[in-house]
């Protein structure tokens, strides 16, 4: 399996290629490309899923888990309020950071 980012394309643009050979020696190859668009809401959801699936979160006391969930919810709401106020340069910088990972 190979994931690559062709030069000159945005970091969020990805090409997925696969090559297979069967027992008779026949070779097949296919690829597809896609662009990942990061949004504040999507990143907030992914962050919550990441945190809530961690062993440390699972071992926390119920009150601690509730506090973490509240912090995740509030931080997501704050980010959603900030995002519309960003200018084009600031939004581009955020997209570059989000697509870098």
N, C-alpha and C. Protein backbone atom coordinates (compact mmCIF):
# COMPACT_ATOMS: atom_id res chain seq x y z
N UNK A 1 0.84 -1.17 0.00
CA UNK A 1 0.00 0.00 0.00
C UNK A 1 0.89 1.23 0.00
N UNK A 2 0.50 2.24 -0.77
CA UNK A 2 1.31 3.43 -0.87
C UNK A 2 0.41 4.65 -0.83
N UNK A 3 0.71 5.56 0.06
CA UNK A 3 0.05 6.86 0.08
C UNK A 3 1.11 7.89 -0.26
N UNK A 4 0.83 8.73 -1.21
CA UNK A 4 1.82 9.72 -1.57
C UNK A 4 1.13 11.05 -1.86
N UNK A 5 1.92 12.09 -1.79
CA UNK A 5 1.43 13.43 -2.09
C UNK A 5 2.28 13.96 -3.24
N UNK A 6 1.72 13.98 -4.47
CA UNK A 6 2.48 14.49 -5.60
C UNK A 6 2.93 15.92 -5.37
N UNK A 7 4.13 16.24 -5.83
CA UNK A 7 4.64 17.60 -5.62
C UNK A 7 3.76 18.60 -6.35
N UNK A 8 3.67 19.78 -5.77
CA UNK A 8 2.88 20.84 -6.37
C UNK A 8 1.41 20.82 -5.97
N UNK A 9 0.97 19.79 -5.27
CA UNK A 9 -0.42 19.70 -4.84
C UNK A 9 -0.50 20.02 -3.35
N UNK A 10 -1.67 20.50 -2.89
CA UNK A 10 -1.80 20.81 -1.47
C UNK A 10 -1.56 19.58 -0.60
N UNK A 11 -1.14 19.80 0.62
CA UNK A 11 -0.85 18.68 1.53
C UNK A 11 -2.08 17.83 1.80
N UNK A 12 -3.26 18.41 1.67
CA UNK A 12 -4.47 17.65 1.95
C UNK A 12 -4.88 16.77 0.77
N UNK A 13 -4.19 16.89 -0.37
CA UNK A 13 -4.46 16.07 -1.55
C UNK A 13 -3.64 14.79 -1.43
N UNK A 14 -4.29 13.64 -1.53
CA UNK A 14 -3.60 12.37 -1.35
C UNK A 14 -3.95 11.41 -2.48
N UNK A 15 -2.98 10.64 -2.89
CA UNK A 15 -3.18 9.60 -3.90
C UNK A 15 -2.97 8.25 -3.22
N UNK A 16 -3.91 7.35 -3.43
CA UNK A 16 -3.82 5.99 -2.88
C UNK A 16 -3.66 5.05 -4.05
N UNK A 17 -2.57 4.28 -4.06
CA UNK A 17 -2.29 3.33 -5.14
C UNK A 17 -2.12 1.93 -4.57
N UNK A 18 -2.53 0.96 -5.38
CA UNK A 18 -2.40 -0.45 -4.96
C UNK A 18 -2.03 -1.28 -6.17
N UNK A 19 -1.09 -2.18 -6.01
CA UNK A 19 -0.67 -3.08 -7.07
C UNK A 19 -0.72 -4.49 -6.51
N UNK A 20 -1.27 -5.42 -7.27
CA UNK A 20 -1.39 -6.80 -6.80
C UNK A 20 -1.02 -7.76 -7.92
N UNK A 21 -0.45 -8.89 -7.54
CA UNK A 21 -0.11 -9.95 -8.48
C UNK A 21 -0.74 -11.24 -7.98
N UNK A 22 -1.47 -11.92 -8.87
CA UNK A 22 -2.09 -13.18 -8.45
C UNK A 22 -1.12 -14.34 -8.66
N UNK A 23 -1.55 -15.55 -8.32
CA UNK A 23 -0.68 -16.72 -8.41
C UNK A 23 -0.27 -17.04 -9.84
N UNK A 24 -1.06 -16.62 -10.83
CA UNK A 24 -0.72 -16.88 -12.23
C UNK A 24 0.22 -15.82 -12.80
N UNK A 25 0.56 -14.84 -12.01
CA UNK A 25 1.47 -13.79 -12.47
C UNK A 25 0.78 -12.59 -13.08
N UNK A 26 -0.54 -12.58 -13.10
CA UNK A 26 -1.26 -11.42 -13.61
C UNK A 26 -1.12 -10.26 -12.63
N UNK A 27 -0.89 -9.09 -13.20
CA UNK A 27 -0.67 -7.90 -12.37
C UNK A 27 -1.83 -6.93 -12.58
N UNK A 28 -2.33 -6.42 -11.51
CA UNK A 28 -3.37 -5.39 -11.57
C UNK A 28 -2.94 -4.21 -10.73
N UNK A 29 -3.32 -3.04 -11.19
CA UNK A 29 -2.94 -1.84 -10.48
C UNK A 29 -4.07 -0.83 -10.56
N UNK A 30 -4.30 -0.11 -9.49
CA UNK A 30 -5.33 0.92 -9.48
C UNK A 30 -4.90 2.02 -8.53
N UNK A 31 -5.43 3.20 -8.75
CA UNK A 31 -5.17 4.30 -7.83
C UNK A 31 -6.37 5.24 -7.83
N UNK A 32 -6.47 5.98 -6.77
CA UNK A 32 -7.50 6.99 -6.65
C UNK A 32 -6.91 8.15 -5.88
N UNK A 33 -7.50 9.29 -6.02
CA UNK A 33 -7.02 10.46 -5.28
C UNK A 33 -8.19 11.10 -4.54
N UNK A 34 -7.86 11.78 -3.48
CA UNK A 34 -8.88 12.45 -2.70
C UNK A 34 -8.26 13.63 -1.96
N UNK A 35 -9.10 14.55 -1.58
CA UNK A 35 -8.68 15.71 -0.82
C UNK A 35 -9.40 15.68 0.52
N UNK A 36 -8.66 15.87 1.57
CA UNK A 36 -9.22 15.90 2.91
C UNK A 36 -9.45 17.36 3.29
N UNK A 37 -10.67 17.70 3.62
CA UNK A 37 -10.99 19.06 4.02
C UNK A 37 -11.24 19.07 5.53
N UNK A 38 -10.39 19.76 6.25
CA UNK A 38 -10.53 19.84 7.70
C UNK A 38 -11.45 21.00 8.06
N UNK A 39 -12.42 20.73 8.92
CA UNK A 39 -13.31 21.77 9.42
C UNK A 39 -13.19 21.82 10.93
N UNK A 40 -13.58 22.94 11.51
CA UNK A 40 -13.54 23.07 12.96
C UNK A 40 -14.42 22.00 13.61
N UNK A 41 -15.63 21.83 13.09
CA UNK A 41 -16.54 20.83 13.66
C UNK A 41 -15.96 19.43 13.54
N UNK A 42 -15.40 19.11 12.37
CA UNK A 42 -14.82 17.79 12.16
C UNK A 42 -13.63 17.53 13.07
N UNK A 43 -12.77 18.53 13.22
CA UNK A 43 -11.61 18.36 14.09
C UNK A 43 -12.03 18.25 15.55
N UNK A 44 -13.08 18.96 15.93
CA UNK A 44 -13.58 18.85 17.31
C UNK A 44 -14.11 17.44 17.58
N UNK A 45 -14.83 16.89 16.63
CA UNK A 45 -15.36 15.53 16.77
C UNK A 45 -14.24 14.51 16.85
N UNK A 46 -13.26 14.64 15.96
CA UNK A 46 -12.12 13.71 15.96
C UNK A 46 -11.32 13.80 17.25
N UNK A 47 -11.14 15.02 17.76
CA UNK A 47 -10.41 15.20 19.01
C UNK A 47 -11.14 14.52 20.16
N UNK A 48 -12.46 14.71 20.21
CA UNK A 48 -13.25 14.06 21.27
C UNK A 48 -13.16 12.54 21.16
N UNK A 49 -13.25 12.01 19.95
CA UNK A 49 -13.14 10.56 19.76
C UNK A 49 -11.78 10.05 20.19
N UNK A 50 -10.73 10.80 19.84
CA UNK A 50 -9.37 10.41 20.21
C UNK A 50 -9.22 10.39 21.73
N UNK A 51 -9.66 11.45 22.39
CA UNK A 51 -9.54 11.54 23.85
C UNK A 51 -10.37 10.45 24.53
N UNK A 52 -11.62 10.30 24.11
CA UNK A 52 -12.52 9.37 24.77
C UNK A 52 -12.17 7.90 24.53
N UNK A 53 -11.36 7.64 23.53
CA UNK A 53 -10.95 6.25 23.27
C UNK A 53 -9.62 5.90 23.95
N UNK A 54 -9.04 6.86 24.65
CA UNK A 54 -7.75 6.61 25.28
C UNK A 54 -7.90 5.80 26.57
N UNK A 55 -6.90 4.98 26.90
CA UNK A 55 -6.93 4.21 28.14
C UNK A 55 -7.00 5.11 29.38
N UNK A 56 -6.35 6.25 29.31
CA UNK A 56 -6.36 7.15 30.46
C UNK A 56 -7.77 7.68 30.72
N UNK A 57 -8.49 8.03 29.64
CA UNK A 57 -9.87 8.49 29.80
C UNK A 57 -10.74 7.37 30.35
N UNK A 58 -10.55 6.17 29.85
CA UNK A 58 -11.35 5.03 30.29
C UNK A 58 -11.13 4.72 31.77
N UNK A 59 -9.91 4.97 32.26
CA UNK A 59 -9.62 4.68 33.66
C UNK A 59 -9.95 5.83 34.60
N UNK A 60 -10.37 6.96 34.05
CA UNK A 60 -10.71 8.12 34.88
C UNK A 60 -12.02 7.89 35.63
N UNK A 61 -12.18 8.61 36.71
CA UNK A 61 -13.41 8.55 37.49
C UNK A 61 -14.54 9.21 36.68
N UNK A 62 -15.79 8.83 36.93
CA UNK A 62 -16.91 9.41 36.19
C UNK A 62 -16.93 10.94 36.19
N UNK A 63 -16.65 11.55 37.33
CA UNK A 63 -16.64 13.01 37.40
C UNK A 63 -15.53 13.60 36.53
N UNK A 64 -14.38 12.92 36.49
CA UNK A 64 -13.27 13.39 35.65
C UNK A 64 -13.63 13.28 34.17
N UNK A 65 -14.26 12.16 33.79
CA UNK A 65 -14.68 11.99 32.40
C UNK A 65 -15.69 13.06 32.01
N UNK A 66 -16.61 13.36 32.91
CA UNK A 66 -17.61 14.39 32.64
C UNK A 66 -16.94 15.76 32.46
N UNK A 67 -15.95 16.05 33.28
CA UNK A 67 -15.23 17.33 33.16
C UNK A 67 -14.49 17.42 31.83
N UNK A 68 -13.85 16.33 31.43
CA UNK A 68 -13.13 16.32 30.14
C UNK A 68 -14.11 16.50 28.99
N UNK A 69 -15.24 15.82 29.04
CA UNK A 69 -16.26 15.99 27.98
C UNK A 69 -16.74 17.43 27.90
N UNK A 70 -16.93 18.06 29.05
CA UNK A 70 -17.37 19.45 29.08
C UNK A 70 -16.31 20.36 28.47
N UNK A 71 -15.05 20.12 28.81
CA UNK A 71 -13.96 20.92 28.23
C UNK A 71 -13.88 20.73 26.72
N UNK A 72 -14.06 19.51 26.24
CA UNK A 72 -14.05 19.26 24.80
C UNK A 72 -15.20 19.99 24.12
N UNK A 73 -16.37 19.96 24.73
CA UNK A 73 -17.53 20.63 24.16
C UNK A 73 -17.32 22.14 24.11
N UNK A 74 -16.85 22.71 25.20
CA UNK A 74 -16.64 24.16 25.26
C UNK A 74 -15.55 24.59 24.28
N UNK A 75 -14.46 23.84 24.21
CA UNK A 75 -13.38 24.22 23.29
C UNK A 75 -13.86 24.16 21.84
N UNK A 76 -14.67 23.18 21.51
CA UNK A 76 -15.24 23.11 20.16
C UNK A 76 -16.14 24.30 19.85
N UNK A 77 -16.94 24.69 20.82
CA UNK A 77 -17.83 25.84 20.63
C UNK A 77 -17.03 27.13 20.46
N UNK A 78 -15.99 27.29 21.25
CA UNK A 78 -15.16 28.49 21.15
C UNK A 78 -14.48 28.56 19.79
N UNK A 79 -13.93 27.43 19.33
CA UNK A 79 -13.29 27.41 18.02
C UNK A 79 -14.27 27.72 16.90
N UNK A 80 -15.50 27.24 17.02
CA UNK A 80 -16.51 27.53 16.00
C UNK A 80 -16.90 29.00 16.00
N UNK A 81 -16.77 29.67 17.13
CA UNK A 81 -17.05 31.11 17.18
C UNK A 81 -15.89 31.92 16.62
N UNK A 82 -14.67 31.43 16.81
CA UNK A 82 -13.49 32.15 16.33
C UNK A 82 -13.33 32.02 14.82
N UNK A 83 -13.54 30.84 14.28
CA UNK A 83 -13.25 30.54 12.87
C UNK A 83 -13.88 31.53 11.89
N UNK A 84 -15.16 31.91 12.02
CA UNK A 84 -15.73 32.84 11.05
C UNK A 84 -15.08 34.23 11.07
N UNK A 85 -14.40 34.57 12.16
CA UNK A 85 -13.79 35.90 12.30
C UNK A 85 -12.38 35.97 11.72
N UNK A 86 -11.84 34.83 11.32
CA UNK A 86 -10.49 34.81 10.78
C UNK A 86 -10.46 35.39 9.37
N UNK A 87 -9.37 36.10 9.05
CA UNK A 87 -9.22 36.59 7.68
C UNK A 87 -8.66 35.46 6.80
N UNK A 88 -8.56 35.70 5.51
CA UNK A 88 -8.14 34.66 4.56
C UNK A 88 -6.75 34.12 4.89
N UNK A 89 -5.83 35.00 5.27
CA UNK A 89 -4.46 34.56 5.59
C UNK A 89 -4.46 33.66 6.83
N UNK A 90 -5.24 34.03 7.84
CA UNK A 90 -5.31 33.23 9.06
C UNK A 90 -5.95 31.86 8.78
N UNK A 91 -7.00 31.84 7.96
CA UNK A 91 -7.65 30.57 7.60
C UNK A 91 -6.69 29.67 6.84
N UNK A 92 -5.91 30.26 5.92
CA UNK A 92 -4.94 29.48 5.15
C UNK A 92 -3.89 28.87 6.09
N UNK A 93 -3.46 29.64 7.09
CA UNK A 93 -2.48 29.13 8.04
C UNK A 93 -3.05 27.97 8.85
N UNK A 94 -4.30 28.08 9.25
CA UNK A 94 -4.96 26.99 9.99
C UNK A 94 -5.09 25.75 9.12
N UNK A 95 -5.45 25.91 7.84
CA UNK A 95 -5.56 24.77 6.94
C UNK A 95 -4.22 24.10 6.74
N UNK A 96 -3.15 24.90 6.65
CA UNK A 96 -1.81 24.34 6.48
C UNK A 96 -1.41 23.50 7.69
N UNK A 97 -1.74 23.99 8.88
CA UNK A 97 -1.43 23.24 10.11
C UNK A 97 -2.25 21.96 10.15
N UNK A 98 -3.54 22.05 9.84
CA UNK A 98 -4.42 20.88 9.90
C UNK A 98 -4.05 19.82 8.89
N UNK A 99 -3.61 20.25 7.69
CA UNK A 99 -3.29 19.28 6.64
C UNK A 99 -1.87 18.74 6.77
N UNK A 100 -1.04 19.35 7.59
CA UNK A 100 0.34 18.92 7.76
C UNK A 100 0.41 17.54 8.40
N UNK A 101 -0.45 17.31 9.36
CA UNK A 101 -0.44 16.02 10.06
C UNK A 101 -0.89 14.96 9.11
